[in-house]
Amino acid sequence: MSDTIEVATIPITVDFSGGLEMLFDNQRRHSVSLPAVDSGGKPADIAFLISHLCEKLMKDPRAELFVLDSHIRPGILVLINDADWELEGEEDYKIQPRDNILFVSTLHGG
């Protein structure tokens, strides 16, 4: 008998564009196995995905280019299966298997 605990995961695809990919190892597309529940036992939502991406996937130390006060920075568009996340409940959207989440920076330095 094994002592390891099987953690249910949700397979999703996460894409970064508009320069955000530089924060994630210069890779635009990532296949992510997201834990199905957060540390509090709640079903995985976009807010949990954001913290998971920062903790587990972000390679660059400049997290402030992606998040501000634990929320997506203003100027970053989020699409859930090609729909604006505002139509889906923003950070409260419950992640579903095979969702495609796209983060696009609209911020340009000058």
C-alpha atoms as a PDB file:
ATOM      1  CA  MET A   1       0.000   0.000   0.000  1.00  0.00           C
ATOM      2  CA  SER A   2       1.359   3.405  -0.971  1.00  0.00           C
ATOM      3  CA  ASP A   3       1.455   6.453   1.298  1.00  0.00           C
ATOM      4  CA  THR A   4       1.073   8.889  -1.571  1.00  0.00           C
ATOM      5  CA  ILE A   5      -2.211  10.729  -1.818  1.00  0.00           C
ATOM      6  CA  GLU A   6      -3.767  10.928  -5.263  1.00  0.00           C
ATOM      7  CA  VAL A   7      -4.699  14.531  -6.038  1.00  0.00           C
ATOM      8  CA  ALA A   8      -7.384  15.032  -8.672  1.00  0.00           C
ATOM      9  CA  THR A   9      -6.299  17.424 -11.398  1.00  0.00           C
ATOM     10  CA  ILE A  10      -7.995  19.298 -14.221  1.00  0.00           C
ATOM     11  CA  PRO A  11      -6.201  19.333 -17.596  1.00  0.00           C
ATOM     12  CA  ILE A  12      -6.271  22.814 -19.150  1.00  0.00           C
ATOM     13  CA  THR A  13      -4.323  24.856 -21.673  1.00  0.00           C
ATOM     14  CA  VAL A  14      -2.972  28.252 -20.673  1.00  0.00           C
ATOM     15  CA  ASP A  15      -1.709  30.702 -23.302  1.00  0.00           C
ATOM     16  CA  PHE A  16       0.232  33.941 -22.809  1.00  0.00           C
ATOM     17  CA  SER A  17       0.553  36.720 -25.364  1.00  0.00           C
ATOM     18  CA  GLY A  18       1.465  40.391 -25.699  1.00  0.00           C
ATOM     19  CA  GLY A  19       4.776  39.913 -23.909  1.00  0.00           C
ATOM     20  CA  LEU A  20       3.500  37.904 -20.923  1.00  0.00           C
ATOM     21  CA  GLU A  21       5.136  34.784 -22.331  1.00  0.00           C
ATOM     22  CA  MET A  22       8.528  36.216 -21.230  1.00  0.00           C
ATOM     23  CA  LEU A  23       7.433  35.694 -17.624  1.00  0.00           C
ATOM     24  CA  PHE A  24       6.694  32.040 -18.319  1.00  0.00           C
ATOM     25  CA  ASP A  25       9.960  30.772 -19.802  1.00  0.00           C
ATOM     26  CA  ASN A  26       9.293  32.480 -23.177  1.00  0.00           C
ATOM     27  CA  GLN A  27       6.687  29.825 -23.904  1.00  0.00           C
ATOM     28  CA  ARG A  28       3.276  30.901 -25.200  1.00  0.00           C
ATOM     29  CA  ARG A  29       1.325  27.686 -24.601  1.00  0.00           C
ATOM     30  CA  HIS A  30       1.388  25.529 -21.487  1.00  0.00           C
ATOM     31  CA  SER A  31      -0.480  22.315 -20.756  1.00  0.00           C
ATOM     32  CA  VAL A  32      -1.347  22.527 -17.076  1.00  0.00           C
ATOM     33  CA  SER A  33      -2.644  19.883 -14.687  1.00  0.00           C
ATOM     34  CA  LEU A  34      -4.369  22.125 -12.167  1.00  0.00           C
ATOM     35  CA  PRO A  35      -5.340  20.662  -8.791  1.00  0.00           C
ATOM     36  CA  ALA A  36      -9.127  20.285  -8.812  1.00  0.00           C
ATOM     37  CA  VAL A  37      -9.472  22.043  -5.434  1.00  0.00           C
ATOM     38  CA  ASP A  38      -7.556  24.835  -3.741  1.00  0.00           C
ATOM     39  CA  SER A  39      -5.889  24.581  -0.317  1.00  0.00           C
ATOM     40  CA  GLY A  40      -9.229  25.399   1.321  1.00  0.00           C
ATOM     41  CA  GLY A  41     -11.011  22.582  -0.496  1.00  0.00           C
ATOM     42  CA  LYS A  42     -12.956  24.881  -2.858  1.00  0.00           C
ATOM     43  CA  PRO A  43     -13.253  23.926  -6.553  1.00  0.00           C
ATOM     44  CA  ALA A  44     -10.474  25.429  -8.685  1.00  0.00           C
ATOM     45  CA  ASP A  45     -11.378  28.821 -10.094  1.00  0.00           C
ATOM     46  CA  ILE A  46      -9.501  31.494 -12.046  1.00  0.00           C
ATOM     47  CA  ALA A  47      -8.265  33.142  -8.830  1.00  0.00           C
ATOM     48  CA  PHE A  48      -6.676  29.816  -7.807  1.00  0.00           C
ATOM     49  CA  LEU A  49      -5.248  29.358 -11.309  1.00  0.00           C
ATOM     50  CA  ILE A  50      -3.576  32.776 -11.129  1.00  0.00           C
ATOM     51  CA  SER A  51      -1.860  31.964  -7.824  1.00  0.00           C
ATOM     52  CA  HIS A  52      -0.929  28.486  -9.108  1.00  0.00           C
ATOM     53  CA  LEU A  53       0.651  29.976 -12.243  1.00  0.00           C
ATOM     54  CA  CYS A  54       2.674  32.446 -10.174  1.00  0.00           C
ATOM     55  CA  GLU A  55       3.879  29.781  -7.737  1.00  0.00           C
ATOM     56  CA  LYS A  56       4.481  26.835 -10.056  1.00  0.00           C
ATOM     57  CA  LEU A  57       4.914  28.074 -13.640  1.00  0.00           C
ATOM     58  CA  MET A  58       6.317  31.606 -13.579  1.00  0.00           C
ATOM     59  CA  LYS A  59      10.069  31.585 -14.186  1.00  0.00           C
ATOM     60  CA  ASP A  60      10.618  35.363 -14.036  1.00  0.00           C
ATOM     61  CA  PRO A  61      10.837  37.058 -10.607  1.00  0.00           C
ATOM     62  CA  ARG A  62       8.803  40.064 -11.824  1.00  0.00           C
ATOM     63  CA  ALA A  63       5.379  38.735 -10.796  1.00  0.00           C
ATOM     64  CA  GLU A  64       4.140  42.343 -10.517  1.00  0.00           C
ATOM     65  CA  LEU A  65       3.982  42.426 -14.319  1.00  0.00           C
ATOM     66  CA  PHE A  66       1.239  39.766 -14.135  1.00  0.00           C
ATOM     67  CA  VAL A  67      -0.484  40.304 -10.785  1.00  0.00           C
ATOM     68  CA  LEU A  68      -1.188  43.242  -8.491  1.00  0.00           C
ATOM     69  CA  ASP A  69      -2.442  42.541  -4.951  1.00  0.00           C
ATOM     70  CA  SER A  70      -3.048  38.883  -5.907  1.00  0.00           C
ATOM     71  CA  HIS A  71      -5.304  39.870  -8.830  1.00  0.00           C
ATOM     72  CA  ILE A  72      -4.607  40.129 -12.558  1.00  0.00           C
ATOM     73  CA  ARG A  73      -3.024  43.475 -13.349  1.00  0.00           C
ATOM     74  CA  PRO A  74      -5.169  46.067 -15.086  1.00  0.00           C
ATOM     75  CA  GLY A  75      -4.368  46.017 -18.793  1.00  0.00           C
ATOM     76  CA  ILE A  76      -4.294  42.234 -19.077  1.00  0.00           C
ATOM     77  CA  LEU A  77      -7.176  40.698 -20.992  1.00  0.00           C
ATOM     78  CA  VAL A  78      -8.314  37.250 -19.936  1.00  0.00           C
ATOM     79  CA  LEU A  79     -10.232  35.000 -22.323  1.00  0.00           C
ATOM     80  CA  ILE A  80     -11.857  31.758 -21.219  1.00  0.00           C
ATOM     81  CA  ASN A  81     -12.511  29.524 -24.223  1.00  0.00           C
ATOM     82  CA  ASP A  82     -12.368  32.624 -26.477  1.00  0.00           C
ATOM     83  CA  ALA A  83     -14.880  34.586 -24.358  1.00  0.00           C
ATOM     84  CA  ASP A  84     -14.072  37.628 -22.223  1.00  0.00           C
ATOM     85  CA  TRP A  85     -13.770  36.494 -18.619  1.00  0.00           C
ATOM     86  CA  GLU A  86     -16.163  39.278 -17.585  1.00  0.00           C
ATOM     87  CA  LEU A  87     -18.921  37.236 -19.261  1.00  0.00           C
ATOM     88  CA  GLU A  88     -17.870  34.137 -17.319  1.00  0.00           C
ATOM     89  CA  GLY A  89     -17.633  35.555 -13.788  1.00  0.00           C
ATOM     90  CA  GLU A  90     -13.989  36.705 -13.850  1.00  0.00           C
ATOM     91  CA  GLU A  91     -11.951  35.197 -10.974  1.00  0.00           C
ATOM     92  CA  ASP A  92     -14.952  33.198  -9.703  1.00  0.00           C
ATOM     93  CA  TYR A  93     -15.222  31.107 -12.906  1.00  0.00           C
ATOM     94  CA  LYS A  94     -14.882  27.417 -12.020  1.00  0.00           C
ATOM     95  CA  ILE A  95     -12.231  25.757 -14.181  1.00  0.00           C
ATOM     96  CA  GLN A  96     -13.512  22.923 -16.375  1.00  0.00           C
ATOM     97  CA  PRO A  97     -11.483  20.115 -18.008  1.00  0.00           C
ATOM     98  CA  ARG A  98      -9.928  21.162 -21.325  1.00  0.00           C
ATOM     99  CA  ASP A  99     -10.602  24.883 -20.783  1.00  0.00           C
ATOM    100  CA  ASN A 100      -8.337  27.224 -22.705  1.00  0.00           C
ATOM    101  CA  ILE A 101      -7.357  30.305 -20.721  1.00  0.00           C
ATOM    102  CA  LEU A 102      -5.589  33.117 -22.593  1.00  0.00           C
ATOM    103  CA  PHE A 103      -3.822  36.030 -20.899  1.00  0.00           C
ATOM    104  CA  VAL A 104      -2.996  38.957 -23.216  1.00  0.00           C
ATOM    105  CA  SER A 105      -1.093  42.026 -22.113  1.00  0.00           C
ATOM    106  CA  THR A 106      -2.307  45.251 -23.692  1.00  0.00           C
ATOM    107  CA  LEU A 107       0.365  47.272 -21.876  1.00  0.00           C
ATOM    108  CA  HIS A 108       3.106  48.742 -24.043  1.00  0.00           C
ATOM    109  CA  GLY A 109       6.052  50.723 -22.747  1.00  0.00           C
ATOM    110  CA  GLY A 110       6.976  53.957 -24.400  1.00  0.00           C
END
